[in-house]
Amino acid sequence: MKLLCASVAAALLVSLPAGAQEKFEFEVASVKPFSIGQIDGPVTLGAKIDGAQVRLLGLAMRDLLSSAYRVKLYQLSGPEWIQTERYDISAKLPAGVSPEKLPEMIQTLLAERFGLKVHREQKEMPVYALLPGKPPLRLKEVVVDPNAPPQKAVEVSGTGSAAGISVNLGNGSSYTFAGGKLTATKVTSATIAAVLERFTDRPVMDLTGLKGTYDLEAQFSPEETQTLMIRAAVAAGVQLPPQALRLLDGGGNPIESGAEQLGLKIDGRRMPVDIIVIDQIQKTPTDN
């Protein structure tokens, strides 16, 4: 079974600050279909920005949409194929345009090459709220040097297989889940919620109020690990056989145990969520 870390680019791009609604577009862009079925063993997917050069490799359409509109995956409503169709995009930033405008440029590319049209609405849905638990907090706060020089290149990537998942979020931030252990380095509470969300069946909303950057570690039993790995595969859009999905029956919600180990807690509730609704989109892009 292959596990794919298909949303690592969104983890970076959603966090970029939003600007005015001015049109931004790549100087040039090449868009090609990407098939993971032709790759044996672990799969590496991600986003890399080096100077003016941008590479978005093997990302599903839903990840491109998530990045373009700075929303999480659960905030997208569209055809099922956006979870499985992947693309290889090579592009060049215009001179003088900051990489912070990359989401807007992806929006323009999707509109021009895929005929994308969307509208926004609000929908109430079941979620998990990530909240402070019983003291003490079991997160190790990391002191971040505000004067550290910025990285010349931005690279976000993930690898996954049945043995585990490893994701590099850039700027020294990362997480790994393997052998029943979840470890993360230099992550915010919002990132912790996003990581836990990859292993469950609902959105996880960060309501902790925590402002720092943290290292963490949590352990899971073999049964919990099996449930988490299957849920991660489902969240990544991997097509699993029915017998694998049946293993989720009675598997519970192991992220509750993970959150408790961190001094946090998970609370199920219903909340209104802003949604991007896809009105029109083509599966095949126009020619390069």
C-alpha atoms as a PDB file:
ATOM      1  CA  MET A   1       0.000   0.000   0.000  1.00  0.00           C
ATOM      2  CA  LYS A   2       1.331   3.455  -0.925  1.00  0.00           C
ATOM      3  CA  LEU A   3       0.641   6.452   1.289  1.00  0.00           C
ATOM      4  CA  LEU A   4       0.910   9.854  -0.322  1.00  0.00           C
ATOM      5  CA  CYS A   5       1.715  13.179   1.335  1.00  0.00           C
ATOM      6  CA  ALA A   6      -0.150  15.104  -1.326  1.00  0.00           C
ATOM      7  CA  SER A   7      -1.016  18.222   0.646  1.00  0.00           C
ATOM      8  CA  VAL A   8       2.407  19.361   1.757  1.00  0.00           C
ATOM      9  CA  ALA A   9       2.414  22.299  -0.652  1.00  0.00           C
ATOM     10  CA  ALA A  10      -0.853  23.563   0.781  1.00  0.00           C
ATOM     11  CA  ALA A  11       0.670  23.490   4.257  1.00  0.00           C
ATOM     12  CA  LEU A  12       3.118  26.125   3.061  1.00  0.00           C
ATOM     13  CA  LEU A  13       1.071  28.131   0.603  1.00  0.00           C
ATOM     14  CA  VAL A  14      -2.090  28.470   2.718  1.00  0.00           C
ATOM     15  CA  SER A  15       0.038  30.242   5.322  1.00  0.00           C
ATOM     16  CA  LEU A  16       1.302  32.904   2.922  1.00  0.00           C
ATOM     17  CA  PRO A  17      -0.246  36.333   3.632  1.00  0.00           C
ATOM     18  CA  ALA A  18      -3.122  37.372   1.413  1.00  0.00           C
ATOM     19  CA  GLY A  19      -2.843  40.512  -0.663  1.00  0.00           C
ATOM     20  CA  ALA A  20      -5.166  42.759  -2.630  1.00  0.00           C
ATOM     21  CA  GLN A  21      -7.353  41.230  -5.322  1.00  0.00           C
ATOM     22  CA  GLU A  22      -4.982  42.253  -8.107  1.00  0.00           C
ATOM     23  CA  LYS A  23      -4.382  39.799 -10.936  1.00  0.00           C
ATOM     24  CA  PHE A  24      -1.049  37.987 -10.780  1.00  0.00           C
ATOM     25  CA  GLU A  25       0.127  35.379 -13.304  1.00  0.00           C
ATOM     26  CA  PHE A  26       3.216  33.344 -14.097  1.00  0.00           C
ATOM     27  CA  GLU A  27       5.535  34.632 -16.791  1.00  0.00           C
ATOM     28  CA  VAL A  28       5.465  31.151 -18.343  1.00  0.00           C
ATOM     29  CA  ALA A  29       3.966  27.861 -17.103  1.00  0.00           C
ATOM     30  CA  SER A  30       3.989  24.235 -18.248  1.00  0.00           C
ATOM     31  CA  VAL A  31       1.226  21.921 -16.985  1.00  0.00           C
ATOM     32  CA  LYS A  32       1.377  18.148 -17.470  1.00  0.00           C
ATOM     33  CA  PRO A  33      -0.603  15.214 -16.005  1.00  0.00           C
ATOM     34  CA  PHE A  34       1.267  13.256 -13.332  1.00  0.00           C
ATOM     35  CA  SER A  35       0.667   9.564 -12.658  1.00  0.00           C
ATOM     36  CA  ILE A  36       1.799   7.903  -9.443  1.00  0.00           C
ATOM     37  CA  GLY A  37       0.817   4.516 -10.873  1.00  0.00           C
ATOM     38  CA  GLN A  38       4.038   4.481 -12.869  1.00  0.00           C
ATOM     39  CA  ILE A  39       6.196   4.830  -9.743  1.00  0.00           C
ATOM     40  CA  ASP A  40       7.297   1.882  -7.619  1.00  0.00           C
ATOM     41  CA  GLY A  41       8.035   2.261  -3.907  1.00  0.00           C
ATOM     42  CA  PRO A  42       7.802   5.462  -1.859  1.00  0.00           C
ATOM     43  CA  VAL A  43       6.521   8.580  -3.603  1.00  0.00           C
ATOM     44  CA  THR A  44       7.954  12.077  -3.154  1.00  0.00           C
ATOM     45  CA  LEU A  45       5.662  15.002  -3.930  1.00  0.00           C
ATOM     46  CA  GLY A  46       5.899  18.675  -3.121  1.00  0.00           C
ATOM     47  CA  ALA A  47       6.573  22.292  -3.983  1.00  0.00           C
ATOM     48  CA  LYS A  48       9.865  24.057  -4.583  1.00  0.00           C
ATOM     49  CA  ILE A  49      10.537  27.753  -5.161  1.00  0.00           C
ATOM     50  CA  ASP A  50      14.141  28.625  -6.042  1.00  0.00           C
ATOM     51  CA  GLY A  51      14.585  32.214  -7.163  1.00  0.00           C
ATOM     52  CA  ALA A  52      12.103  32.746  -9.994  1.00  0.00           C
ATOM     53  CA  GLN A  53      11.667  29.019 -10.684  1.00  0.00           C
ATOM     54  CA  VAL A  54       8.579  27.224  -9.308  1.00  0.00           C
ATOM     55  CA  ARG A  55       7.958  23.465  -9.369  1.00  0.00           C
ATOM     56  CA  LEU A  56       4.736  21.863  -8.106  1.00  0.00           C
ATOM     57  CA  LEU A  57       5.271  18.131  -8.540  1.00  0.00           C
ATOM     58  CA  GLY A  58       2.561  15.488  -8.388  1.00  0.00           C
ATOM     59  CA  LEU A  59       0.021  17.574  -6.477  1.00  0.00           C
ATOM     60  CA  ALA A  60      -3.647  16.658  -6.764  1.00  0.00           C
ATOM     61  CA  MET A  61      -6.022  19.288  -8.110  1.00  0.00           C
ATOM     62  CA  ARG A  62      -7.528  19.666  -4.630  1.00  0.00           C
ATOM     63  CA  ASP A  63      -4.076  20.607  -3.288  1.00  0.00           C
ATOM     64  CA  LEU A  64      -3.617  23.201  -6.010  1.00  0.00           C
ATOM     65  CA  LEU A  65      -7.058  24.625  -5.205  1.00  0.00           C
ATOM     66  CA  SER A  66      -6.298  24.612  -1.479  1.00  0.00           C
ATOM     67  CA  SER A  67      -3.092  26.517  -2.124  1.00  0.00           C
ATOM     68  CA  ALA A  68      -4.668  28.924  -4.598  1.00  0.00           C
ATOM     69  CA  TYR A  69      -7.434  30.015  -2.218  1.00  0.00           C
ATOM     70  CA  ARG A  70      -5.503  29.605   1.048  1.00  0.00           C
ATOM     71  CA  VAL A  71      -8.034  27.161   2.481  1.00  0.00           C
ATOM     72  CA  LYS A  72      -7.861  23.665   3.942  1.00  0.00           C
ATOM     73  CA  LEU A  73      -8.962  20.626   1.967  1.00  0.00           C
ATOM     74  CA  TYR A  74     -12.264  20.294   3.824  1.00  0.00           C
ATOM     75  CA  GLN A  75     -13.170  23.813   2.671  1.00  0.00           C
ATOM     76  CA  LEU A  76     -13.381  22.652  -0.958  1.00  0.00           C
ATOM     77  CA  SER A  77     -16.582  21.360  -2.572  1.00  0.00           C
ATOM     78  CA  GLY A  78     -16.242  19.967  -6.087  1.00  0.00           C
ATOM     79  CA  PRO A  79     -16.145  16.852  -8.274  1.00  0.00           C
ATOM     80  CA  GLU A  80     -14.567  13.701  -6.832  1.00  0.00           C
ATOM     81  CA  TRP A  81     -11.792  13.598  -9.417  1.00  0.00           C
ATOM     82  CA  ILE A  82     -10.032  16.613  -7.864  1.00  0.00           C
ATOM     83  CA  GLN A  83      -8.800  14.194  -5.170  1.00  0.00           C
ATOM     84  CA  THR A  84      -7.088  11.836  -7.611  1.00  0.00           C
ATOM     85  CA  GLU A  85      -5.982  13.807 -10.699  1.00  0.00           C
ATOM     86  CA  ARG A  86      -2.414  15.053 -10.235  1.00  0.00           C
ATOM     87  CA  TYR A  87      -0.263  17.470 -12.188  1.00  0.00           C
ATOM     88  CA  ASP A  88       3.349  18.499 -12.733  1.00  0.00           C
ATOM     89  CA  ILE A  89       3.653  22.273 -13.018  1.00  0.00           C
ATOM     90  CA  SER A  90       6.851  24.127 -13.913  1.00  0.00           C
ATOM     91  CA  ALA A  91       6.573  27.903 -13.942  1.00  0.00           C
ATOM     92  CA  LYS A  92       8.516  31.147 -13.718  1.00  0.00           C
ATOM     93  CA  LEU A  93       7.699  34.065 -11.448  1.00  0.00           C
ATOM     94  CA  PRO A  94       7.523  37.468 -13.149  1.00  0.00           C
ATOM     95  CA  ALA A  95      10.399  39.842 -12.398  1.00  0.00           C
ATOM     96  CA  GLY A  96       9.807  41.843  -9.249  1.00  0.00           C
ATOM     97  CA  VAL A  97       6.876  39.716  -8.020  1.00  0.00           C
ATOM     98  CA  SER A  98       7.230  38.162  -4.559  1.00  0.00           C
ATOM     99  CA  PRO A  99       6.727  34.402  -4.043  1.00  0.00           C
ATOM    100  CA  GLU A 100       4.029  35.444  -1.542  1.00  0.00           C
ATOM    101  CA  LYS A 101       1.813  36.030  -4.599  1.00  0.00           C
ATOM    102  CA  LEU A 102       2.144  32.380  -5.668  1.00  0.00           C
ATOM    103  CA  PRO A 103      -1.432  31.494  -4.577  1.00  0.00           C
ATOM    104  CA  GLU A 104      -2.853  34.289  -6.737  1.00  0.00           C
ATOM    105  CA  MET A 105      -0.758  33.090  -9.671  1.00  0.00           C
ATOM    106  CA  ILE A 106      -2.053  29.536  -9.200  1.00  0.00           C
ATOM    107  CA  GLN A 107      -5.600  30.942  -9.196  1.00  0.00           C
ATOM    108  CA  THR A 108      -4.958  32.635 -12.538  1.00  0.00           C
ATOM    109  CA  LEU A 109      -3.383  29.480 -13.991  1.00  0.00           C
ATOM    110  CA  LEU A 110      -6.343  27.327 -12.919  1.00  0.00           C
ATOM    111  CA  ALA A 111      -8.813  29.811 -14.387  1.00  0.00           C
ATOM    112  CA  GLU A 112      -6.969  30.107 -17.707  1.00  0.00           C
ATOM    113  CA  ARG A 113      -5.831  26.503 -18.200  1.00  0.00           C
ATOM    114  CA  PHE A 114      -8.654  24.564 -16.486  1.00  0.00           C
ATOM    115  CA  GLY A 115     -11.571  26.975 -16.923  1.00  0.00           C
ATOM    116  CA  LEU A 116     -12.022  27.217 -13.148  1.00  0.00           C
ATOM    117  CA  LYS A 117     -14.989  29.157 -11.755  1.00  0.00           C
ATOM    118  CA  VAL A 118     -15.900  29.194  -8.042  1.00  0.00           C
ATOM    119  CA  HIS A 119     -18.088  30.897  -5.486  1.00  0.00           C
ATOM    120  CA  ARG A 120     -17.961  31.085  -1.689  1.00  0.00           C
ATOM    121  CA  GLU A 121     -20.571  30.031   0.842  1.00  0.00           C
ATOM    122  CA  GLN A 122     -20.793  28.946   4.485  1.00  0.00           C
ATOM    123  CA  LYS A 123     -21.727  25.451   5.619  1.00  0.00           C
ATOM    124  CA  GLU A 124     -22.167  23.897   9.053  1.00  0.00           C
ATOM    125  CA  MET A 125     -20.337  20.585   9.411  1.00  0.00           C
ATOM    126  CA  PRO A 126     -19.014  18.162  12.050  1.00  0.00           C
ATOM    127  CA  VAL A 127     -15.463  19.001  13.120  1.00  0.00           C
ATOM    128  CA  TYR A 128     -12.970  18.192  15.850  1.00  0.00           C
ATOM    129  CA  ALA A 129     -11.926  21.166  17.972  1.00  0.00           C
ATOM    130  CA  LEU A 130      -8.327  21.023  19.245  1.00  0.00           C
ATOM    131  CA  LEU A 131      -8.393  22.541  22.742  1.00  0.00           C
ATOM    132  CA  PRO A 132      -6.133  22.900  25.789  1.00  0.00           C
ATOM    133  CA  GLY A 133      -6.301  19.754  27.933  1.00  0.00           C
ATOM    134  CA  LYS A 134      -5.445  19.060  31.535  1.00  0.00           C
ATOM    135  CA  PRO A 135      -2.160  20.736  32.586  1.00  0.00           C
ATOM    136  CA  PRO A 136       0.696  20.392  32.065  1.00  0.00           C
ATOM    137  CA  LEU A 137       1.143  21.159  28.388  1.00  0.00           C
ATOM    138  CA  ARG A 138       3.486  18.486  26.989  1.00  0.00           C
ATOM    139  CA  LEU A 139       4.841  20.458  24.063  1.00  0.00           C
ATOM    140  CA  LYS A 140       8.477  21.597  24.031  1.00  0.00           C
ATOM    141  CA  GLU A 141       8.542  25.262  23.049  1.00  0.00           C
ATOM    142  CA  VAL A 142      11.232  26.194  20.535  1.00  0.00           C
ATOM    143  CA  VAL A 143      12.929  29.590  20.622  1.00  0.00           C
ATOM    144  CA  VAL A 144      12.874  30.984  17.077  1.00  0.00           C
ATOM    145  CA  ASP A 145      15.539  33.539  16.135  1.00  0.00           C
ATOM    146  CA  PRO A 146      13.668  36.507  14.592  1.00  0.00           C
ATOM    147  CA  ASN A 147      16.951  37.742  13.097  1.00  0.00           C
ATOM    148  CA  ALA A 148      17.769  34.518  11.252  1.00  0.00           C
ATOM    149  CA  PRO A 149      18.416  35.152   7.530  1.00  0.00           C
ATOM    150  CA  PRO A 150      15.591  34.049   5.213  1.00  0.00           C
ATOM    151  CA  GLN A 151      16.082  30.954   3.118  1.00  0.00           C
ATOM    152  CA  LYS A 152      17.020  31.588  -0.503  1.00  0.00           C
ATOM    153  CA  ALA A 153      14.820  28.719  -1.664  1.00  0.00           C
ATOM    154  CA  VAL A 154      11.532  27.345  -0.368  1.00  0.00           C
ATOM    155  CA  GLU A 155      11.050  23.603  -0.580  1.00  0.00           C
ATOM    156  CA  VAL A 156       8.157  21.581   0.829  1.00  0.00           C
ATOM    157  CA  SER A 157       8.044  17.854   0.180  1.00  0.00           C
ATOM    158  CA  GLY A 158       6.699  14.592   1.520  1.00  0.00           C
ATOM    159  CA  THR A 159       7.427  10.914   1.132  1.00  0.00           C
ATOM    160  CA  GLY A 160       5.117   8.071   2.060  1.00  0.00           C
ATOM    161  CA  SER A 161       4.827   4.307   1.993  1.00  0.00           C
ATOM    162  CA  ALA A 162       3.226   1.578   4.081  1.00  0.00           C
ATOM    163  CA  ALA A 163       6.155   1.995   6.472  1.00  0.00           C
ATOM    164  CA  GLY A 164       5.339   5.589   7.326  1.00  0.00           C
ATOM    165  CA  ILE A 165       5.109   9.218   6.337  1.00  0.00           C
ATOM    166  CA  SER A 166       7.714  11.979   6.425  1.00  0.00           C
ATOM    167  CA  VAL A 167       6.934  15.593   5.519  1.00  0.00           C
ATOM    168  CA  ASN A 168       9.323  18.535   5.243  1.00  0.00           C
ATOM    169  CA  LEU A 169       7.379  21.788   5.698  1.00  0.00           C
ATOM    170  CA  GLY A 170      10.372  24.045   5.082  1.00  0.00           C
ATOM    171  CA  ASN A 171      12.302  26.412   7.367  1.00  0.00           C
ATOM    172  CA  GLY A 172      13.252  23.550   9.687  1.00  0.00           C
ATOM    173  CA  SER A 173       9.651  22.470  10.280  1.00  0.00           C
ATOM    174  CA  SER A 174       8.762  18.820   9.692  1.00  0.00           C
ATOM    175  CA  TYR A 175       6.833  15.814  10.942  1.00  0.00           C
ATOM    176  CA  THR A 176       7.210  12.047  10.708  1.00  0.00           C
ATOM    177  CA  PHE A 177       4.892   9.168  11.532  1.00  0.00           C
ATOM    178  CA  ALA A 178       6.510   5.729  11.529  1.00  0.00           C
ATOM    179  CA  GLY A 179       6.744   2.738  13.829  1.00  0.00           C
ATOM    180  CA  GLY A 180       3.825   3.952  15.916  1.00  0.00           C
ATOM    181  CA  LYS A 181       5.536   7.248  16.768  1.00  0.00           C
ATOM    182  CA  LEU A 182       4.533  10.743  15.666  1.00  0.00           C
ATOM    183  CA  THR A 183       7.289  13.344  15.949  1.00  0.00           C
ATOM    184  CA  ALA A 184       7.215  16.965  14.830  1.00  0.00           C
ATOM    185  CA  THR A 185       9.785  19.757  14.873  1.00  0.00           C
ATOM    186  CA  LYS A 186       9.206  23.522  14.921  1.00  0.00           C
ATOM    187  CA  VAL A 187       5.432  23.428  14.429  1.00  0.00           C
ATOM    188  CA  THR A 188       2.710  25.843  15.478  1.00  0.00           C
ATOM    189  CA  SER A 189      -0.608  24.819  17.011  1.00  0.00           C
ATOM    190  CA  ALA A 190      -2.251  25.390  13.607  1.00  0.00           C
ATOM    191  CA  THR A 191       0.221  22.936  12.071  1.00  0.00           C
ATOM    192  CA  ILE A 192      -0.446  20.418  14.869  1.00  0.00           C
ATOM    193  CA  ALA A 193      -4.166  20.594  14.024  1.00  0.00           C
ATOM    194  CA  ALA A 194      -3.363  20.161  10.326  1.00  0.00           C
ATOM    195  CA  VAL A 195      -1.136  17.139  11.060  1.00  0.00           C
ATOM    196  CA  LEU A 196      -3.794  15.450  13.216  1.00  0.00           C
ATOM    197  CA  GLU A 197      -6.343  16.177  10.503  1.00  0.00           C
ATOM    198  CA  ARG A 198      -4.371  13.987   8.083  1.00  0.00           C
ATOM    199  CA  PHE A 199      -5.163  10.996  10.321  1.00  0.00           C
ATOM    200  CA  THR A 200      -8.878  11.397  10.952  1.00  0.00           C
ATOM    201  CA  ASP A 201     -12.230  11.682   9.214  1.00  0.00           C
ATOM    202  CA  ARG A 202     -13.144  15.284  10.100  1.00  0.00           C
ATOM    203  CA  PRO A 203     -11.595  18.748   9.947  1.00  0.00           C
ATOM    204  CA  VAL A 204      -9.526  19.618  13.025  1.00  0.00           C
ATOM    205  CA  MET A 205      -9.920  23.254  14.106  1.00  0.00           C
ATOM    206  CA  ASP A 206      -7.165  24.876  16.167  1.00  0.00           C
ATOM    207  CA  LEU A 207      -8.867  26.507  19.155  1.00  0.00           C
ATOM    208  CA  THR A 208      -5.920  26.146  21.544  1.00  0.00           C
ATOM    209  CA  GLY A 209      -4.923  29.806  21.611  1.00  0.00           C
ATOM    210  CA  LEU A 210      -1.255  28.739  21.637  1.00  0.00           C
ATOM    211  CA  LYS A 211       1.119  31.260  20.015  1.00  0.00           C
ATOM    212  CA  GLY A 212       4.490  29.489  20.152  1.00  0.00           C
ATOM    213  CA  THR A 213       6.487  27.066  18.016  1.00  0.00           C
ATOM    214  CA  TYR A 214       6.949  23.551  19.386  1.00  0.00           C
ATOM    215  CA  ASP A 215       8.571  20.133  19.143  1.00  0.00           C
ATOM    216  CA  LEU A 216       6.418  17.129  20.057  1.00  0.00           C
ATOM    217  CA  GLU A 217       6.259  13.352  20.275  1.00  0.00           C
ATOM    218  CA  ALA A 218       3.360  10.900  20.686  1.00  0.00           C
ATOM    219  CA  GLN A 219       3.208   7.083  20.734  1.00  0.00           C
ATOM    220  CA  PHE A 220       0.445   4.830  19.397  1.00  0.00           C
ATOM    221  CA  SER A 221      -0.397   1.142  19.792  1.00  0.00           C
ATOM    222  CA  PRO A 222      -0.160  -1.206  16.756  1.00  0.00           C
ATOM    223  CA  GLU A 223      -3.971  -1.144  16.434  1.00  0.00           C
ATOM    224  CA  GLU A 224      -4.049   2.659  16.586  1.00  0.00           C
ATOM    225  CA  THR A 225      -1.182   2.860  14.103  1.00  0.00           C
ATOM    226  CA  GLN A 226      -3.068   0.688  11.625  1.00  0.00           C
ATOM    227  CA  THR A 227      -6.140   2.934  11.880  1.00  0.00           C
ATOM    228  CA  LEU A 228      -4.049   6.096  11.505  1.00  0.00           C
ATOM    229  CA  MET A 229      -2.201   4.801   8.420  1.00  0.00           C
ATOM    230  CA  ILE A 230      -5.433   3.785   6.702  1.00  0.00           C
ATOM    231  CA  ARG A 231      -7.035   7.141   7.477  1.00  0.00           C
ATOM    232  CA  ALA A 232      -3.933   8.925   6.144  1.00  0.00           C
ATOM    233  CA  ALA A 233      -4.216   6.973   2.896  1.00  0.00           C
ATOM    234  CA  VAL A 234      -7.913   7.815   2.562  1.00  0.00           C
ATOM    235  CA  ALA A 235      -7.227  11.511   3.281  1.00  0.00           C
ATOM    236  CA  ALA A 236      -4.514  11.521   0.598  1.00  0.00           C
ATOM    237  CA  GLY A 237      -6.925  10.162  -2.010  1.00  0.00           C
ATOM    238  CA  VAL A 238      -5.453   6.649  -2.220  1.00  0.00           C
ATOM    239  CA  GLN A 239      -7.945   4.061  -3.466  1.00  0.00           C
ATOM    240  CA  LEU A 240      -7.948   1.217  -0.905  1.00  0.00           C
ATOM    241  CA  PRO A 241      -9.625  -2.197  -1.183  1.00  0.00           C
ATOM    242  CA  PRO A 242     -12.839  -2.753   0.811  1.00  0.00           C
ATOM    243  CA  GLN A 243     -11.106  -5.144   3.228  1.00  0.00           C
ATOM    244  CA  ALA A 244      -8.689  -2.364   4.239  1.00  0.00           C
ATOM    245  CA  LEU A 245     -11.508   0.114   4.784  1.00  0.00           C
ATOM    246  CA  ARG A 246     -13.381  -2.415   6.946  1.00  0.00           C
ATOM    247  CA  LEU A 247     -10.455  -2.328   9.357  1.00  0.00           C
ATOM    248  CA  LEU A 248     -11.611   1.164  10.299  1.00  0.00           C
ATOM    249  CA  ASP A 249     -14.761  -0.301  11.858  1.00  0.00           C
ATOM    250  CA  GLY A 250     -14.263  -0.172  15.587  1.00  0.00           C
ATOM    251  CA  GLY A 251     -10.880   1.533  15.149  1.00  0.00           C
ATOM    252  CA  GLY A 252     -11.988   4.523  17.181  1.00  0.00           C
ATOM    253  CA  ASN A 253     -10.320   7.914  16.913  1.00  0.00           C
ATOM    254  CA  PRO A 254      -6.640   7.555  17.868  1.00  0.00           C
ATOM    255  CA  ILE A 255      -5.904  11.261  17.524  1.00  0.00           C
ATOM    256  CA  GLU A 256      -7.748  11.692  20.839  1.00  0.00           C
ATOM    257  CA  SER A 257      -4.972   9.654  22.455  1.00  0.00           C
ATOM    258  CA  GLY A 258      -2.326  11.635  20.563  1.00  0.00           C
ATOM    259  CA  ALA A 259      -3.771  14.974  21.642  1.00  0.00           C
ATOM    260  CA  GLU A 260      -4.001  13.817  25.279  1.00  0.00           C
ATOM    261  CA  GLN A 261      -0.304  12.880  25.236  1.00  0.00           C
ATOM    262  CA  LEU A 262       0.473  16.458  24.204  1.00  0.00           C
ATOM    263  CA  GLY A 263      -1.594  18.015  26.990  1.00  0.00           C
ATOM    264  CA  LEU A 264      -4.381  18.863  24.549  1.00  0.00           C
ATOM    265  CA  LYS A 265      -7.812  17.402  23.866  1.00  0.00           C
ATOM    266  CA  ILE A 266     -10.168  16.712  20.961  1.00  0.00           C
ATOM    267  CA  ASP A 267     -13.826  17.714  21.168  1.00  0.00           C
ATOM    268  CA  GLY A 268     -16.388  16.765  18.512  1.00  0.00           C
ATOM    269  CA  ARG A 269     -18.833  19.516  17.587  1.00  0.00           C
ATOM    270  CA  ARG A 270     -20.584  21.229  14.674  1.00  0.00           C
ATOM    271  CA  MET A 271     -19.288  24.578  13.407  1.00  0.00           C
ATOM    272  CA  PRO A 272     -19.936  26.899  10.445  1.00  0.00           C
ATOM    273  CA  VAL A 273     -17.117  26.676   7.897  1.00  0.00           C
ATOM    274  CA  ASP A 274     -16.360  28.895   4.900  1.00  0.00           C
ATOM    275  CA  ILE A 275     -16.433  26.784   1.714  1.00  0.00           C
ATOM    276  CA  ILE A 276     -15.055  27.281  -1.815  1.00  0.00           C
ATOM    277  CA  VAL A 277     -17.620  25.724  -4.190  1.00  0.00           C
ATOM    278  CA  ILE A 278     -16.320  24.741  -7.630  1.00  0.00           C
ATOM    279  CA  ASP A 279     -18.897  25.710 -10.251  1.00  0.00           C
ATOM    280  CA  GLN A 280     -16.797  24.756 -13.270  1.00  0.00           C
ATOM    281  CA  ILE A 281     -13.469  23.017 -13.869  1.00  0.00           C
ATOM    282  CA  GLN A 282     -11.918  20.875 -16.610  1.00  0.00           C
ATOM    283  CA  LYS A 283      -9.875  17.768 -15.883  1.00  0.00           C
ATOM    284  CA  THR A 284      -7.536  18.281 -18.862  1.00  0.00           C
ATOM    285  CA  PRO A 285      -5.644  21.593 -19.101  1.00  0.00           C
ATOM    286  CA  THR A 286      -5.385  23.522 -22.333  1.00  0.00           C
ATOM    287  CA  ASP A 287      -2.130  23.078 -24.273  1.00  0.00           C
ATOM    288  CA  ASN A 288       1.122  24.566 -22.982  1.00  0.00           C
END
